[in-house]
Each structure stands twice: as C-alpha cells, then as structure tokens.
N, C-alpha and C. Protein backbone atom coordinates (compact mmCIF):
# COMPACT_ATOMS: atom_id res chain seq x y z
N MET A 1 -111.73 73.11 127.04
CA MET A 1 -111.41 71.98 126.43
C MET A 1 -112.28 70.82 126.71
N SER A 2 -112.97 69.97 125.83
CA SER A 2 -113.89 69.13 126.10
C SER A 2 -113.19 67.59 125.59
N PHE A 3 -113.66 66.64 126.57
CA PHE A 3 -113.36 65.09 126.21
C PHE A 3 -114.22 64.49 125.69
N LYS A 4 -114.00 63.42 124.96
CA LYS A 4 -115.02 62.33 124.38
C LYS A 4 -115.83 61.85 125.51
N PHE A 5 -115.18 61.49 126.66
CA PHE A 5 -115.54 60.37 127.63
C PHE A 5 -115.55 61.29 128.92
N LYS A 6 -116.27 60.82 129.86
CA LYS A 6 -115.89 61.32 131.47
C LYS A 6 -115.24 59.98 132.25
N LEU A 7 -114.73 60.28 133.36
CA LEU A 7 -114.24 59.36 134.39
C LEU A 7 -115.43 58.46 134.64
N GLY A 8 -115.11 57.16 134.60
CA GLY A 8 -116.35 56.35 135.33
C GLY A 8 -117.29 55.84 134.09
N GLU A 9 -117.23 56.39 132.83
CA GLU A 9 -117.86 55.83 132.05
C GLU A 9 -117.76 54.36 131.58
N ILE A 10 -118.59 53.64 131.06
CA ILE A 10 -118.33 52.37 130.74
C ILE A 10 -118.09 52.59 128.89
N VAL A 11 -117.01 52.03 128.38
CA VAL A 11 -116.78 51.97 126.92
C VAL A 11 -116.58 50.65 126.28
N VAL A 12 -116.78 50.58 125.15
CA VAL A 12 -116.25 49.53 124.24
C VAL A 12 -115.60 49.86 123.04
N PRO A 13 -114.55 48.89 122.57
CA PRO A 13 -114.10 49.28 121.31
C PRO A 13 -114.79 49.30 120.02
N THR A 14 -114.75 49.98 119.06
CA THR A 14 -115.40 50.19 117.80
C THR A 14 -115.04 48.93 116.97
N THR A 15 -113.85 48.39 116.96
CA THR A 15 -113.40 47.40 116.08
C THR A 15 -112.19 46.68 117.05
N PRO A 16 -112.56 45.76 118.08
CA PRO A 16 -111.65 45.28 118.82
C PRO A 16 -111.13 44.19 118.29
N LEU A 17 -111.22 43.38 117.32
CA LEU A 17 -110.38 42.26 116.88
C LEU A 17 -109.24 42.81 116.13
N GLU A 18 -109.83 43.53 115.20
CA GLU A 18 -108.94 44.25 114.14
C GLU A 18 -107.72 45.01 114.91
N ARG A 19 -107.81 45.45 116.05
CA ARG A 19 -106.64 46.17 116.44
C ARG A 19 -106.16 45.69 117.90
N GLY A 20 -106.74 44.47 118.28
CA GLY A 20 -106.01 43.79 119.43
C GLY A 20 -106.57 44.46 120.85
N LEU A 21 -107.57 45.03 120.67
CA LEU A 21 -108.20 45.85 122.03
C LEU A 21 -108.98 44.75 122.85
N PRO A 22 -109.20 45.17 124.31
CA PRO A 22 -109.86 44.40 125.10
C PRO A 22 -111.41 44.37 124.43
N VAL A 23 -111.88 43.09 124.48
CA VAL A 23 -113.49 43.00 123.85
C VAL A 23 -114.50 43.51 124.57
N GLY A 24 -114.65 43.26 125.73
CA GLY A 24 -115.58 43.71 126.47
C GLY A 24 -115.66 44.86 127.18
N PRO A 25 -116.73 45.38 127.89
CA PRO A 25 -116.75 46.72 128.20
C PRO A 25 -115.60 46.85 129.06
N SER A 26 -115.48 48.39 129.31
CA SER A 26 -114.04 48.89 130.12
C SER A 26 -114.52 50.10 130.83
N GLU A 27 -114.08 50.40 131.93
CA GLU A 27 -114.42 51.62 132.55
C GLU A 27 -113.43 52.70 132.38
N VAL A 28 -113.50 53.83 132.17
CA VAL A 28 -112.51 54.83 131.88
C VAL A 28 -112.06 55.51 133.34
N THR A 29 -110.64 55.13 133.60
CA THR A 29 -110.16 55.42 134.75
C THR A 29 -109.08 56.79 134.71
N ALA A 30 -108.88 57.22 133.50
CA ALA A 30 -108.12 58.42 133.54
C ALA A 30 -108.32 58.95 131.88
N ILE A 31 -107.94 60.48 132.02
CA ILE A 31 -108.20 60.99 130.70
C ILE A 31 -106.90 61.50 130.45
N GLN A 32 -106.52 61.43 129.23
CA GLN A 32 -104.97 62.11 128.90
C GLN A 32 -105.20 63.05 127.75
N LEU A 33 -104.42 63.99 127.92
CA LEU A 33 -104.37 64.83 126.54
C LEU A 33 -103.87 64.17 125.33
N GLY A 34 -104.13 64.61 124.27
CA GLY A 34 -103.77 64.22 122.98
C GLY A 34 -104.70 63.06 122.47
N GLY A 35 -105.97 62.93 123.22
CA GLY A 35 -107.13 61.99 122.71
C GLY A 35 -107.01 60.60 123.32
N TYR A 36 -105.93 60.46 124.17
CA TYR A 36 -105.96 59.15 124.95
C TYR A 36 -106.80 58.87 126.36
N ILE A 37 -107.12 57.69 126.52
CA ILE A 37 -107.78 57.45 127.82
C ILE A 37 -107.26 56.23 128.52
N GLU A 38 -107.44 56.31 129.65
CA GLU A 38 -106.65 54.91 130.37
C GLU A 38 -108.16 54.18 130.86
N ILE A 39 -107.99 52.82 130.49
CA ILE A 39 -109.45 51.86 130.55
C ILE A 39 -108.83 50.63 131.57
N GLN A 40 -109.64 50.32 132.40
CA GLN A 40 -109.70 49.18 132.76
C GLN A 40 -110.79 48.02 132.55
N PRO A 41 -110.56 46.96 132.10
CA PRO A 41 -111.62 45.90 131.62
C PRO A 41 -112.41 45.72 132.91
N ILE A 42 -113.65 45.47 132.77
CA ILE A 42 -114.61 45.17 133.80
C ILE A 42 -114.87 43.66 133.90
N GLY A 43 -114.51 43.26 135.01
CA GLY A 43 -114.48 41.73 135.47
C GLY A 43 -113.24 41.05 135.05
N ALA A 44 -112.29 41.61 134.84
CA ALA A 44 -110.99 41.21 134.83
C ALA A 44 -110.53 40.76 136.05
N SER A 45 -109.69 39.60 136.07
CA SER A 45 -109.06 39.01 137.27
C SER A 45 -107.93 39.92 137.77
N THR A 46 -107.43 40.50 136.75
CA THR A 46 -106.44 41.45 137.16
C THR A 46 -106.83 42.83 136.88
N HIS A 47 -106.10 43.62 137.65
CA HIS A 47 -106.45 45.02 137.59
C HIS A 47 -105.64 45.82 136.61
N ARG A 48 -105.34 45.29 135.44
CA ARG A 48 -104.57 45.84 134.47
C ARG A 48 -105.32 46.90 133.89
N ARG A 49 -104.64 48.11 133.69
CA ARG A 49 -105.04 49.25 133.07
C ARG A 49 -104.34 49.43 131.89
N GLN A 50 -105.04 49.82 130.72
CA GLN A 50 -104.31 50.17 129.51
C GLN A 50 -104.63 51.59 128.90
N LEU A 51 -103.46 52.35 128.41
CA LEU A 51 -103.81 53.31 127.78
C LEU A 51 -104.09 53.27 126.13
N VAL A 52 -105.25 53.66 125.91
CA VAL A 52 -105.92 53.56 124.41
C VAL A 52 -106.21 54.87 123.87
N GLU A 53 -106.19 54.91 122.47
CA GLU A 53 -106.80 55.99 121.81
C GLU A 53 -108.35 56.21 122.13
N ALA A 54 -108.88 57.40 122.29
CA ALA A 54 -110.04 57.57 122.56
C ALA A 54 -110.97 57.24 121.39
N LYS A 55 -110.40 57.70 120.25
CA LYS A 55 -111.03 57.65 118.93
C LYS A 55 -111.63 55.89 118.71
N ASP A 56 -110.93 55.04 119.34
CA ASP A 56 -111.16 53.76 119.05
C ASP A 56 -112.33 53.02 119.80
N TYR A 57 -113.00 54.05 120.55
CA TYR A 57 -114.04 53.50 121.72
C TYR A 57 -115.32 54.59 121.41
N GLU A 58 -116.46 53.76 122.01
CA GLU A 58 -117.62 54.50 122.01
C GLU A 58 -118.15 54.18 123.43
N ARG A 59 -119.24 54.96 123.59
CA ARG A 59 -119.85 54.50 124.98
C ARG A 59 -120.49 53.38 124.81
N HIS A 60 -120.65 52.55 125.80
CA HIS A 60 -121.31 51.11 126.07
C HIS A 60 -122.90 51.37 125.80
N LYS A 61 -123.68 50.78 124.96
CA LYS A 61 -125.24 51.10 124.47
C LYS A 61 -126.06 51.05 125.71
N GLU A 62 -125.75 50.29 126.92
CA GLU A 62 -126.67 50.34 127.90
C GLU A 62 -126.40 51.52 128.71
N GLU A 63 -125.30 52.13 129.01
CA GLU A 63 -125.03 53.24 129.52
C GLU A 63 -125.47 54.36 128.64
N ALA A 64 -125.51 54.54 127.35
CA ALA A 64 -125.67 55.70 126.66
C ALA A 64 -127.34 55.89 126.71
N ASN A 65 -128.05 54.86 127.16
CA ASN A 65 -129.40 54.93 126.98
C ASN A 65 -130.20 55.59 128.31
N GLU A 66 -129.20 55.42 129.37
CA GLU A 66 -129.52 55.63 130.61
C GLU A 66 -130.08 57.41 130.58
N PRO A 67 -131.00 57.68 131.17
CA PRO A 67 -131.28 59.17 131.37
C PRO A 67 -130.31 59.82 132.54
N ASP A 68 -130.15 61.07 132.09
CA ASP A 68 -129.33 61.87 133.41
C ASP A 68 -130.27 62.27 134.05
N ASN A 69 -130.13 62.21 135.26
CA ASN A 69 -130.95 62.93 136.45
C ASN A 69 -130.39 64.07 137.20
C-alpha cells in the first residue's frame, strides 16, 4: 500500500479558502487509512492537529524541489 505523503512532509491545501482549511504550510504528523492525514499548522501558537483528506493537499513547492540525498 502506498500513501500520497510521508510523515514529516510539509503540505499546503490546494483550495484553502473554499474548504475552510488552514492556509499556511502544515506538517504531516500521521497517516490514516482511507485517504486521510493528520496535519499540524507550522508556526501556530497552539499545537492543534487536524484530520483532513489527503486529496485536498499537495507537497509544499519549496520541499518538492529539494533533491533526495
């Protein structure tokens, strides 16, 4: 079974304002079956995590351009 994201990756929502999702980059903190991920917004004053659908997110562009060593 493969997942769209890995733990620790930085993701951003594809359509944040239309769906009421956190706008800034978030870190993937857990991967769930059924296409869900748990995220934690980066730089948030609270450590509130949210369970969201992975299909609504994409890798943050800065991270996607980093080479794998």
